Amino acid sequence: MDRVLRSIPNGMTIARIIMTILFDFLIFKQFLYGQDYNSTLISLFIMICVSDFFDGKIARRLGAATILGAKLDVLADLLYIVSSYAALISTHVLPLWYLVFVCIKFLEFVATSNFIKLYKTSSEHPFIFDRVGRTVSAIFFLIPGIICILSLFNSSNKIYIVSILLYSTFLAGIYSSYERIKSCFTIASLKYSKARK
């Protein structure tokens, strides 16, 4: 029984991956072929968000948090973001440059996390998060759902709302990357100074 309970968080993460595939398929149906799947898309989006919010919390509550689980969670998030963005780009809803930015931001996040973890091993989590970066990644996660919700309305203002979201997260993401890279240089210079003494 204990083993079954401890498998719940990873099961939720795997379910999120399956829901992501269905979500992407319905994006094509909705935005490319004009079929009305708004309510299903929004329901899937809510379930994906709920899964992402609770799987880590449940893992910690059950004492089932593992490095593998944390990596699977980040992988599921990345798959959801990249695949849903790719679907929205294919249907001419999102610009390609934004997906390129998201991928570069993710690579920077992994690289700086690995570098900082070399010198700061107090955290058991495989990744190091910063406040601005966490907010930016949350908005990355929400954008596909926001677009689906906005598609319910015929207002021309939805184009401006999406543009504001894209450019504000772009600027915040650059700031987050700057701070993370600066932290890496600070750590490296301190390490170099200690080595010379």
N, C-alpha and C. Protein backbone atom coordinates (compact mmCIF):
# COMPACT_ATOMS: atom_id res chain seq x y z
N MET A 1 0.84 -1.21 0.00
CA MET A 1 0.00 0.00 0.00
C MET A 1 0.87 1.25 0.00
N ASP A 2 1.91 1.22 0.83
CA ASP A 2 2.82 2.37 0.91
C ASP A 2 3.49 2.63 -0.43
N ARG A 3 3.83 1.54 -1.12
CA ARG A 3 4.48 1.67 -2.43
C ARG A 3 3.53 2.32 -3.44
N VAL A 4 2.25 1.94 -3.38
CA VAL A 4 1.24 2.51 -4.28
C VAL A 4 1.09 4.01 -4.02
N LEU A 5 1.01 4.39 -2.73
CA LEU A 5 0.88 5.80 -2.37
C LEU A 5 2.07 6.61 -2.85
N ARG A 6 3.27 6.05 -2.70
CA ARG A 6 4.48 6.76 -3.08
C ARG A 6 4.62 6.92 -4.60
N SER A 7 3.86 6.11 -5.34
CA SER A 7 3.91 6.20 -6.81
C SER A 7 2.92 7.23 -7.37
N ILE A 8 2.06 7.77 -6.50
CA ILE A 8 1.03 8.72 -6.94
C ILE A 8 1.63 9.96 -7.60
N PRO A 9 2.64 10.63 -6.99
CA PRO A 9 3.18 11.85 -7.61
C PRO A 9 3.72 11.62 -9.03
N ASN A 10 4.52 10.56 -9.22
CA ASN A 10 5.04 10.27 -10.56
C ASN A 10 3.92 9.88 -11.51
N GLY A 11 2.89 9.20 -10.98
CA GLY A 11 1.73 8.86 -11.80
C GLY A 11 1.01 10.11 -12.29
N MET A 12 0.91 11.12 -11.42
CA MET A 12 0.30 12.39 -11.81
C MET A 12 1.12 13.09 -12.89
N THR A 13 2.44 13.01 -12.77
CA THR A 13 3.32 13.64 -13.76
C THR A 13 3.17 12.95 -15.11
N ILE A 14 3.12 11.62 -15.10
CA ILE A 14 2.94 10.87 -16.36
C ILE A 14 1.57 11.17 -16.97
N ALA A 15 0.55 11.29 -16.11
CA ALA A 15 -0.79 11.66 -16.60
C ALA A 15 -0.75 13.04 -17.26
N ARG A 16 0.07 13.94 -16.70
CA ARG A 16 0.20 15.28 -17.28
C ARG A 16 0.80 15.21 -18.69
N ILE A 17 1.75 14.31 -18.88
CA ILE A 17 2.35 14.13 -20.21
C ILE A 17 1.30 13.65 -21.21
N ILE A 18 0.45 12.70 -20.79
CA ILE A 18 -0.62 12.19 -21.66
C ILE A 18 -1.62 13.30 -21.98
N MET A 19 -2.00 14.08 -20.95
CA MET A 19 -2.93 15.19 -21.17
C MET A 19 -2.33 16.24 -22.10
N THR A 20 -1.02 16.43 -22.03
CA THR A 20 -0.33 17.38 -22.90
C THR A 20 -0.47 16.97 -24.36
N ILE A 21 -0.30 15.68 -24.65
CA ILE A 21 -0.42 15.18 -26.02
C ILE A 21 -1.83 15.44 -26.55
N LEU A 22 -2.84 15.16 -25.73
CA LEU A 22 -4.23 15.41 -26.12
C LEU A 22 -4.49 16.90 -26.29
N PHE A 23 -3.94 17.71 -25.40
CA PHE A 23 -4.08 19.17 -25.46
C PHE A 23 -3.54 19.70 -26.79
N ASP A 24 -2.36 19.23 -27.18
CA ASP A 24 -1.75 19.67 -28.44
C ASP A 24 -2.59 19.26 -29.64
N PHE A 25 -3.10 18.04 -29.61
CA PHE A 25 -3.94 17.54 -30.70
C PHE A 25 -5.19 18.42 -30.87
N LEU A 26 -5.80 18.79 -29.75
CA LEU A 26 -7.02 19.60 -29.81
C LEU A 26 -6.73 21.05 -30.19
N ILE A 27 -5.50 21.53 -29.91
CA ILE A 27 -5.12 22.88 -30.38
C ILE A 27 -5.19 22.93 -31.90
N PHE A 28 -4.67 21.88 -32.55
CA PHE A 28 -4.74 21.82 -34.02
C PHE A 28 -6.20 21.79 -34.48
N LYS A 29 -7.02 20.99 -33.83
CA LYS A 29 -8.44 20.90 -34.19
C LYS A 29 -9.13 22.26 -34.04
N GLN A 30 -8.79 22.96 -32.96
CA GLN A 30 -9.44 24.24 -32.65
C GLN A 30 -8.97 25.36 -33.56
N PHE A 31 -7.65 25.56 -33.63
CA PHE A 31 -7.12 26.75 -34.29
C PHE A 31 -6.79 26.55 -35.77
N LEU A 32 -6.60 25.31 -36.21
CA LEU A 32 -6.28 25.07 -37.61
C LEU A 32 -7.52 24.69 -38.42
N TYR A 33 -8.38 23.87 -37.80
CA TYR A 33 -9.55 23.38 -38.53
C TYR A 33 -10.86 24.03 -38.08
N GLY A 34 -10.77 24.94 -37.11
CA GLY A 34 -11.95 25.70 -36.70
C GLY A 34 -13.00 24.90 -35.96
N GLN A 35 -12.64 23.74 -35.43
CA GLN A 35 -13.59 22.94 -34.66
C GLN A 35 -13.61 23.44 -33.21
N ASP A 36 -14.79 23.45 -32.63
CA ASP A 36 -14.96 24.04 -31.30
C ASP A 36 -14.62 23.03 -30.20
N TYR A 37 -13.40 23.17 -29.67
CA TYR A 37 -12.96 22.33 -28.55
C TYR A 37 -12.55 23.20 -27.35
N ASN A 38 -13.10 24.42 -27.30
CA ASN A 38 -12.70 25.37 -26.26
C ASN A 38 -12.87 24.81 -24.86
N SER A 39 -14.05 24.27 -24.57
CA SER A 39 -14.32 23.80 -23.21
C SER A 39 -13.41 22.63 -22.84
N THR A 40 -13.15 21.73 -23.81
CA THR A 40 -12.25 20.60 -23.55
C THR A 40 -10.82 21.07 -23.34
N LEU A 41 -10.38 22.02 -24.17
CA LEU A 41 -9.03 22.57 -24.04
C LEU A 41 -8.83 23.24 -22.69
N ILE A 42 -9.81 24.04 -22.28
CA ILE A 42 -9.70 24.74 -21.00
C ILE A 42 -9.73 23.75 -19.84
N SER A 43 -10.57 22.71 -19.95
CA SER A 43 -10.62 21.67 -18.90
C SER A 43 -9.29 20.94 -18.79
N LEU A 44 -8.71 20.58 -19.94
CA LEU A 44 -7.40 19.92 -19.95
C LEU A 44 -6.33 20.82 -19.35
N PHE A 45 -6.38 22.09 -19.72
CA PHE A 45 -5.41 23.06 -19.21
C PHE A 45 -5.49 23.14 -17.69
N ILE A 46 -6.70 23.20 -17.15
CA ILE A 46 -6.89 23.27 -15.69
C ILE A 46 -6.34 22.00 -15.03
N MET A 47 -6.60 20.84 -15.62
CA MET A 47 -6.11 19.57 -15.05
C MET A 47 -4.59 19.49 -15.10
N ILE A 48 -4.00 20.00 -16.19
CA ILE A 48 -2.53 20.04 -16.31
C ILE A 48 -1.95 20.93 -15.21
N CYS A 49 -2.57 22.10 -15.00
CA CYS A 49 -2.10 23.03 -13.95
C CYS A 49 -2.24 22.41 -12.56
N VAL A 50 -3.37 21.77 -12.30
CA VAL A 50 -3.61 21.14 -10.99
C VAL A 50 -2.58 20.05 -10.75
N SER A 51 -2.32 19.23 -11.77
CA SER A 51 -1.32 18.17 -11.66
C SER A 51 0.06 18.75 -11.36
N ASP A 52 0.42 19.81 -12.08
CA ASP A 52 1.73 20.43 -11.87
C ASP A 52 1.86 21.04 -10.48
N PHE A 53 0.76 21.60 -9.99
CA PHE A 53 0.79 22.26 -8.68
C PHE A 53 0.89 21.25 -7.54
N PHE A 54 0.19 20.11 -7.68
CA PHE A 54 0.07 19.19 -6.55
C PHE A 54 1.06 18.03 -6.55
N ASP A 55 1.63 17.65 -7.70
CA ASP A 55 2.45 16.43 -7.68
C ASP A 55 3.67 16.56 -6.76
N GLY A 56 4.34 17.73 -6.82
CA GLY A 56 5.49 17.94 -5.94
C GLY A 56 5.10 18.01 -4.48
N LYS A 57 3.97 18.68 -4.20
CA LYS A 57 3.51 18.82 -2.81
C LYS A 57 3.14 17.45 -2.23
N ILE A 58 2.47 16.63 -3.04
CA ILE A 58 2.09 15.29 -2.57
C ILE A 58 3.33 14.43 -2.35
N ALA A 59 4.31 14.57 -3.26
CA ALA A 59 5.56 13.80 -3.12
C ALA A 59 6.26 14.13 -1.81
N ARG A 60 6.31 15.42 -1.47
CA ARG A 60 6.96 15.83 -0.21
C ARG A 60 6.15 15.37 0.99
N ARG A 61 4.84 15.43 0.88
CA ARG A 61 3.95 15.03 1.99
C ARG A 61 4.08 13.52 2.27
N LEU A 62 4.25 12.74 1.20
CA LEU A 62 4.35 11.28 1.36
C LEU A 62 5.78 10.82 1.59
N GLY A 63 6.72 11.77 1.57
CA GLY A 63 8.13 11.40 1.69
C GLY A 63 8.63 10.65 0.47
N ALA A 64 8.01 10.96 -0.69
CA ALA A 64 8.35 10.25 -1.93
C ALA A 64 9.10 11.14 -2.91
N ALA A 65 9.58 12.29 -2.43
CA ALA A 65 10.30 13.21 -3.32
C ALA A 65 11.67 12.62 -3.68
N THR A 66 11.94 12.52 -4.96
CA THR A 66 13.22 11.98 -5.44
C THR A 66 13.79 12.88 -6.52
N ILE A 67 15.08 12.74 -6.79
CA ILE A 67 15.71 13.50 -7.87
C ILE A 67 15.09 13.10 -9.20
N LEU A 68 14.82 11.80 -9.38
CA LEU A 68 14.18 11.33 -10.61
C LEU A 68 12.81 11.96 -10.79
N GLY A 69 12.04 12.02 -9.70
CA GLY A 69 10.71 12.63 -9.76
C GLY A 69 10.78 14.11 -10.10
N ALA A 70 11.76 14.82 -9.51
CA ALA A 70 11.92 16.25 -9.79
C ALA A 70 12.30 16.48 -11.25
N LYS A 71 13.18 15.62 -11.77
CA LYS A 71 13.58 15.75 -13.18
C LYS A 71 12.43 15.40 -14.12
N LEU A 72 11.64 14.38 -13.75
CA LEU A 72 10.47 14.01 -14.55
C LEU A 72 9.46 15.14 -14.58
N ASP A 73 9.29 15.83 -13.44
CA ASP A 73 8.37 16.96 -13.34
C ASP A 73 8.80 18.09 -14.27
N VAL A 74 10.10 18.43 -14.26
CA VAL A 74 10.61 19.49 -15.13
C VAL A 74 10.49 19.08 -16.59
N LEU A 75 10.76 17.80 -16.89
CA LEU A 75 10.64 17.29 -18.25
C LEU A 75 9.20 17.39 -18.75
N ALA A 76 8.24 17.04 -17.87
CA ALA A 76 6.82 17.12 -18.24
C ALA A 76 6.43 18.57 -18.51
N ASP A 77 6.93 19.49 -17.68
CA ASP A 77 6.66 20.92 -17.88
C ASP A 77 7.23 21.40 -19.21
N LEU A 78 8.48 20.99 -19.48
CA LEU A 78 9.13 21.40 -20.73
C LEU A 78 8.39 20.84 -21.94
N LEU A 79 7.98 19.58 -21.86
CA LEU A 79 7.24 18.97 -22.97
C LEU A 79 5.94 19.72 -23.21
N TYR A 80 5.22 20.02 -22.13
CA TYR A 80 3.95 20.76 -22.26
C TYR A 80 4.18 22.12 -22.91
N ILE A 81 5.17 22.86 -22.42
CA ILE A 81 5.41 24.21 -22.94
C ILE A 81 5.86 24.17 -24.40
N VAL A 82 6.89 23.36 -24.70
CA VAL A 82 7.45 23.33 -26.05
C VAL A 82 6.44 22.80 -27.06
N SER A 83 5.76 21.70 -26.72
CA SER A 83 4.83 21.10 -27.69
C SER A 83 3.59 21.97 -27.91
N SER A 84 3.06 22.56 -26.84
CA SER A 84 1.88 23.42 -27.01
C SER A 84 2.24 24.71 -27.74
N TYR A 85 3.44 25.24 -27.48
CA TYR A 85 3.88 26.42 -28.21
C TYR A 85 4.08 26.08 -29.68
N ALA A 86 4.69 24.90 -29.95
CA ALA A 86 4.90 24.47 -31.34
C ALA A 86 3.56 24.34 -32.07
N ALA A 87 2.56 23.81 -31.38
CA ALA A 87 1.22 23.68 -31.97
C ALA A 87 0.62 25.05 -32.26
N LEU A 88 0.78 25.98 -31.31
CA LEU A 88 0.23 27.34 -31.50
C LEU A 88 0.99 28.11 -32.57
N ILE A 89 2.29 27.83 -32.72
CA ILE A 89 3.08 28.46 -33.80
C ILE A 89 2.64 27.90 -35.15
N SER A 90 2.42 26.59 -35.21
CA SER A 90 1.98 25.94 -36.46
C SER A 90 0.62 26.46 -36.92
N THR A 91 -0.20 26.88 -35.97
CA THR A 91 -1.52 27.41 -36.31
C THR A 91 -1.52 28.94 -36.38
N HIS A 92 -0.31 29.53 -36.38
CA HIS A 92 -0.11 30.98 -36.55
C HIS A 92 -0.72 31.82 -35.42
N VAL A 93 -0.72 31.25 -34.22
CA VAL A 93 -1.24 31.97 -33.05
C VAL A 93 -0.09 32.62 -32.28
N LEU A 94 1.05 31.93 -32.19
CA LEU A 94 2.23 32.45 -31.50
C LEU A 94 3.38 32.62 -32.50
N PRO A 95 4.30 33.58 -32.24
CA PRO A 95 5.47 33.74 -33.11
C PRO A 95 6.58 32.74 -32.77
N LEU A 96 7.34 32.35 -33.77
CA LEU A 96 8.41 31.37 -33.59
C LEU A 96 9.49 31.87 -32.64
N TRP A 97 9.80 33.17 -32.68
CA TRP A 97 10.90 33.70 -31.86
C TRP A 97 10.67 33.44 -30.37
N TYR A 98 9.40 33.38 -29.98
CA TYR A 98 9.12 33.21 -28.55
C TYR A 98 9.48 31.79 -28.09
N LEU A 99 9.21 30.80 -28.93
CA LEU A 99 9.60 29.43 -28.58
C LEU A 99 11.12 29.30 -28.52
N VAL A 100 11.82 29.97 -29.45
CA VAL A 100 13.29 29.97 -29.43
C VAL A 100 13.78 30.56 -28.12
N PHE A 101 13.16 31.67 -27.70
CA PHE A 101 13.53 32.30 -26.43
C PHE A 101 13.29 31.36 -25.25
N VAL A 102 12.16 30.68 -25.24
CA VAL A 102 11.83 29.75 -24.15
C VAL A 102 12.87 28.63 -24.07
N CYS A 103 13.26 28.09 -25.22
CA CYS A 103 14.25 27.00 -25.25
C CYS A 103 15.62 27.48 -24.75
N ILE A 104 16.02 28.69 -25.19
CA ILE A 104 17.30 29.25 -24.73
C ILE A 104 17.25 29.50 -23.22
N LYS A 105 16.12 30.01 -22.75
CA LYS A 105 15.96 30.27 -21.31
C LYS A 105 16.05 28.97 -20.52
N PHE A 106 15.47 27.90 -21.03
CA PHE A 106 15.53 26.61 -20.34
C PHE A 106 16.97 26.09 -20.29
N LEU A 107 17.69 26.19 -21.40
CA LEU A 107 19.09 25.74 -21.44
C LEU A 107 19.95 26.54 -20.46
N GLU A 108 19.70 27.85 -20.40
CA GLU A 108 20.43 28.70 -19.44
C GLU A 108 20.10 28.28 -18.01
N PHE A 109 18.83 27.98 -17.75
CA PHE A 109 18.38 27.57 -16.42
C PHE A 109 19.09 26.28 -15.98
N VAL A 110 19.16 25.30 -16.88
CA VAL A 110 19.84 24.03 -16.56
C VAL A 110 21.33 24.26 -16.34
N ALA A 111 21.96 25.04 -17.24
CA ALA A 111 23.41 25.28 -17.15
C ALA A 111 23.77 26.02 -15.86
N THR A 112 23.04 27.08 -15.54
CA THR A 112 23.35 27.86 -14.33
C THR A 112 23.02 27.06 -13.07
N SER A 113 21.96 26.25 -13.11
CA SER A 113 21.63 25.39 -11.96
C SER A 113 22.76 24.41 -11.70
N ASN A 114 23.25 23.78 -12.75
CA ASN A 114 24.35 22.81 -12.60
C ASN A 114 25.61 23.48 -12.06
N PHE A 115 25.90 24.69 -12.55
CA PHE A 115 27.10 25.41 -12.10
C PHE A 115 26.98 25.78 -10.62
N ILE A 116 25.83 26.34 -10.24
CA ILE A 116 25.63 26.75 -8.85
C ILE A 116 25.64 25.54 -7.92
N LYS A 117 25.06 24.42 -8.36
CA LYS A 117 25.04 23.20 -7.55
C LYS A 117 26.43 22.65 -7.28
N LEU A 118 27.39 22.95 -8.16
CA LEU A 118 28.76 22.50 -7.95
C LEU A 118 29.35 23.08 -6.67
N TYR A 119 28.92 24.30 -6.34
CA TYR A 119 29.50 25.01 -5.20
C TYR A 119 28.54 25.19 -4.03
N LYS A 120 27.23 25.04 -4.31
CA LYS A 120 26.24 25.15 -3.24
C LYS A 120 25.42 23.86 -3.22
N THR A 121 25.75 22.98 -2.33
CA THR A 121 25.10 21.66 -2.30
C THR A 121 24.08 21.54 -1.17
N SER A 122 23.67 22.67 -0.60
CA SER A 122 22.73 22.63 0.53
C SER A 122 21.35 22.14 0.10
N SER A 123 20.97 22.42 -1.16
CA SER A 123 19.66 22.00 -1.65
C SER A 123 19.74 20.61 -2.27
N GLU A 124 18.73 19.77 -1.98
CA GLU A 124 18.68 18.44 -2.57
C GLU A 124 18.01 18.45 -3.93
N HIS A 125 17.36 19.56 -4.27
CA HIS A 125 16.68 19.67 -5.57
C HIS A 125 17.72 19.80 -6.67
N PRO A 126 17.52 19.12 -7.81
CA PRO A 126 18.53 19.18 -8.88
C PRO A 126 18.62 20.52 -9.59
N PHE A 127 17.64 21.41 -9.36
CA PHE A 127 17.64 22.71 -10.02
C PHE A 127 17.60 23.84 -9.00
N ILE A 128 18.19 24.97 -9.37
CA ILE A 128 18.20 26.16 -8.53
C ILE A 128 17.25 27.19 -9.14
N PHE A 129 16.29 27.65 -8.35
CA PHE A 129 15.28 28.58 -8.84
C PHE A 129 15.54 29.98 -8.31
N ASP A 130 15.19 30.98 -9.11
CA ASP A 130 15.21 32.37 -8.66
C ASP A 130 13.79 32.91 -8.75
N ARG A 131 13.51 33.96 -8.00
CA ARG A 131 12.14 34.46 -7.89
C ARG A 131 11.58 34.94 -9.23
N VAL A 132 12.35 35.76 -9.95
CA VAL A 132 11.88 36.29 -11.23
C VAL A 132 11.73 35.15 -12.24
N GLY A 133 12.74 34.27 -12.28
CA GLY A 133 12.70 33.14 -13.20
C GLY A 133 11.52 32.22 -12.94
N ARG A 134 11.19 32.02 -11.67
CA ARG A 134 10.05 31.17 -11.31
C ARG A 134 8.74 31.80 -11.82
N THR A 135 8.63 33.13 -11.67
CA THR A 135 7.43 33.83 -12.16
C THR A 135 7.33 33.73 -13.68
N VAL A 136 8.47 33.94 -14.35
CA VAL A 136 8.51 33.85 -15.82
C VAL A 136 8.11 32.45 -16.28
N SER A 137 8.65 31.42 -15.63
CA SER A 137 8.33 30.04 -16.04
C SER A 137 6.85 29.73 -15.78
N ALA A 138 6.28 30.33 -14.72
CA ALA A 138 4.85 30.14 -14.45
C ALA A 138 4.02 30.75 -15.57
N ILE A 139 4.44 31.93 -16.05
CA ILE A 139 3.71 32.57 -17.16
C ILE A 139 3.90 31.78 -18.45
N PHE A 140 5.12 31.25 -18.67
CA PHE A 140 5.34 30.34 -19.81
C PHE A 140 4.28 29.24 -19.79
N PHE A 141 4.06 28.70 -18.60
CA PHE A 141 3.13 27.58 -18.42
C PHE A 141 1.69 28.00 -18.70
N LEU A 142 1.35 29.23 -18.31
CA LEU A 142 -0.04 29.69 -18.40
C LEU A 142 -0.44 30.19 -19.78
N ILE A 143 0.53 30.61 -20.58
CA ILE A 143 0.22 31.26 -21.87
C ILE A 143 -0.68 30.41 -22.77
N PRO A 144 -0.42 29.11 -23.00
CA PRO A 144 -1.33 28.35 -23.87
C PRO A 144 -2.78 28.35 -23.37
N GLY A 145 -2.96 28.22 -22.05
CA GLY A 145 -4.30 28.24 -21.48
C GLY A 145 -4.96 29.60 -21.61
N ILE A 146 -4.17 30.66 -21.40
CA ILE A 146 -4.71 32.02 -21.55
C ILE A 146 -5.19 32.24 -22.97
N ILE A 147 -4.41 31.76 -23.95
CA ILE A 147 -4.80 31.90 -25.36
C ILE A 147 -6.11 31.15 -25.63
N CYS A 148 -6.25 29.96 -25.06
CA CYS A 148 -7.49 29.19 -25.23
C CYS A 148 -8.68 29.91 -24.60
N ILE A 149 -8.46 30.51 -23.44
CA ILE A 149 -9.54 31.25 -22.77
C ILE A 149 -9.90 32.50 -23.58
N LEU A 150 -8.89 33.22 -24.08
CA LEU A 150 -9.14 34.43 -24.87
C LEU A 150 -9.87 34.12 -26.17
N SER A 151 -9.68 32.91 -26.69
CA SER A 151 -10.34 32.55 -27.96
C SER A 151 -11.86 32.45 -27.80
N LEU A 152 -12.33 32.44 -26.54
CA LEU A 152 -13.78 32.45 -26.29
C LEU A 152 -14.39 33.80 -26.66
N PHE A 153 -13.56 34.84 -26.68
CA PHE A 153 -14.04 36.20 -26.90
C PHE A 153 -13.67 36.68 -28.31
N ASN A 154 -14.52 37.51 -28.87
CA ASN A 154 -14.29 38.04 -30.22
C ASN A 154 -13.55 39.38 -30.23
N SER A 155 -13.20 39.87 -29.06
CA SER A 155 -12.55 41.17 -28.96
C SER A 155 -11.18 41.17 -29.64
N SER A 156 -10.89 42.26 -30.35
CA SER A 156 -9.58 42.41 -31.01
C SER A 156 -8.47 42.69 -29.98
N ASN A 157 -8.87 43.04 -28.76
CA ASN A 157 -7.89 43.35 -27.71
C ASN A 157 -7.07 42.13 -27.29
N LYS A 158 -7.56 40.92 -27.61
CA LYS A 158 -6.84 39.71 -27.19
C LYS A 158 -5.46 39.63 -27.83
N ILE A 159 -5.29 40.19 -29.02
CA ILE A 159 -3.98 40.21 -29.68
C ILE A 159 -3.01 41.05 -28.86
N TYR A 160 -3.49 42.18 -28.35
CA TYR A 160 -2.64 43.06 -27.54
C TYR A 160 -2.32 42.43 -26.19
N ILE A 161 -3.28 41.73 -25.62
CA ILE A 161 -3.05 41.07 -24.33
C ILE A 161 -1.95 40.02 -24.46
N VAL A 162 -2.03 39.21 -25.52
CA VAL A 162 -1.01 38.18 -25.75
C VAL A 162 0.35 38.83 -26.00
N SER A 163 0.38 39.91 -26.79
CA SER A 163 1.64 40.61 -27.09
C SER A 163 2.28 41.16 -25.82
N ILE A 164 1.46 41.74 -24.94
CA ILE A 164 1.97 42.28 -23.67
C ILE A 164 2.58 41.15 -22.83
N LEU A 165 1.89 40.00 -22.79
CA LEU A 165 2.41 38.84 -22.05
C LEU A 165 3.75 38.37 -22.60
N LEU A 166 3.83 38.28 -23.93
CA LEU A 166 5.05 37.79 -24.57
C LEU A 166 6.23 38.71 -24.31
N TYR A 167 6.03 40.00 -24.53
CA TYR A 167 7.16 40.94 -24.40
C TYR A 167 7.54 41.19 -22.94
N SER A 168 6.56 41.17 -22.04
CA SER A 168 6.89 41.38 -20.61
C SER A 168 7.66 40.18 -20.06
N THR A 169 7.26 38.95 -20.45
CA THR A 169 8.01 37.77 -19.99
C THR A 169 9.37 37.69 -20.67
N PHE A 170 9.47 38.18 -21.90
CA PHE A 170 10.76 38.21 -22.59
C PHE A 170 11.74 39.09 -21.82
N LEU A 171 11.30 40.30 -21.44
CA LEU A 171 12.17 41.22 -20.70
C LEU A 171 12.50 40.68 -19.31
N ALA A 172 11.49 40.13 -18.64
CA ALA A 172 11.73 39.56 -17.30
C ALA A 172 12.65 38.35 -17.38
N GLY A 173 12.51 37.56 -18.44
CA GLY A 173 13.37 36.40 -18.63
C GLY A 173 14.82 36.79 -18.85
N ILE A 174 15.04 37.86 -19.62
CA ILE A 174 16.40 38.36 -19.84
C ILE A 174 17.01 38.83 -18.52
N TYR A 175 16.20 39.53 -17.72
CA TYR A 175 16.68 39.99 -16.41
C TYR A 175 17.04 38.80 -15.52
N SER A 176 16.18 37.78 -15.50
CA SER A 176 16.45 36.58 -14.71
C SER A 176 17.75 35.91 -15.15
N SER A 177 17.94 35.80 -16.45
CA SER A 177 19.17 35.18 -16.98
C SER A 177 20.40 36.00 -16.59
N TYR A 178 20.27 37.32 -16.67
CA TYR A 178 21.38 38.20 -16.28
C TYR A 178 21.76 37.97 -14.82
N GLU A 179 20.76 37.92 -13.94
CA GLU A 179 21.02 37.72 -12.51
C GLU A 179 21.65 36.35 -12.23
N ARG A 180 21.17 35.33 -12.93
CA ARG A 180 21.69 33.98 -12.71
C ARG A 180 23.13 33.86 -13.21
N ILE A 181 23.39 34.42 -14.38
CA ILE A 181 24.76 34.36 -14.94
C ILE A 181 25.71 35.19 -14.07
N LYS A 182 25.21 36.34 -13.58
CA LYS A 182 26.03 37.17 -12.68
C LYS A 182 26.36 36.40 -11.40
N SER A 183 25.40 35.65 -10.87
CA SER A 183 25.65 34.83 -9.68
C SER A 183 26.73 33.79 -9.94
N CYS A 184 26.70 33.20 -11.13
CA CYS A 184 27.71 32.19 -11.50
C CYS A 184 29.10 32.82 -11.54
N PHE A 185 29.19 34.03 -12.12
CA PHE A 185 30.49 34.72 -12.18
C PHE A 185 30.97 35.09 -10.78
N THR A 186 30.04 35.52 -9.92
CA THR A 186 30.40 35.86 -8.54
C THR A 186 30.94 34.64 -7.80
N ILE A 187 30.25 33.51 -7.94
CA ILE A 187 30.69 32.27 -7.30
C ILE A 187 32.06 31.85 -7.82
N ALA A 188 32.23 31.95 -9.14
CA ALA A 188 33.51 31.54 -9.76
C ALA A 188 34.65 32.43 -9.30
N SER A 189 34.39 33.75 -9.20
CA SER A 189 35.45 34.67 -8.78
C SER A 189 35.83 34.46 -7.32
N LEU A 190 34.83 34.17 -6.47
CA LEU A 190 35.11 33.88 -5.06
C LEU A 190 35.92 32.59 -4.92
N LYS A 191 35.57 31.61 -5.71
CA LYS A 191 36.29 30.34 -5.68
C LYS A 191 37.73 30.54 -6.16
N TYR A 192 37.90 31.36 -7.18
CA TYR A 192 39.24 31.63 -7.72
C TYR A 192 40.08 32.39 -6.69
N SER A 193 39.44 33.36 -6.00
CA SER A 193 40.15 34.15 -4.98
C SER A 193 40.62 33.26 -3.83
N LYS A 194 39.76 32.33 -3.41
CA LYS A 194 40.13 31.41 -2.32
C LYS A 194 41.26 30.48 -2.75
N ALA A 195 41.22 30.06 -4.02
CA ALA A 195 42.25 29.14 -4.52
C ALA A 195 43.62 29.80 -4.58
N ARG A 196 43.65 31.13 -4.78
CA ARG A 196 44.92 31.85 -4.88
C ARG A 196 45.55 32.12 -3.53
N LYS A 197 44.73 32.07 -2.47
CA LYS A 197 45.26 32.37 -1.13
C LYS A 197 46.05 31.19 -0.57
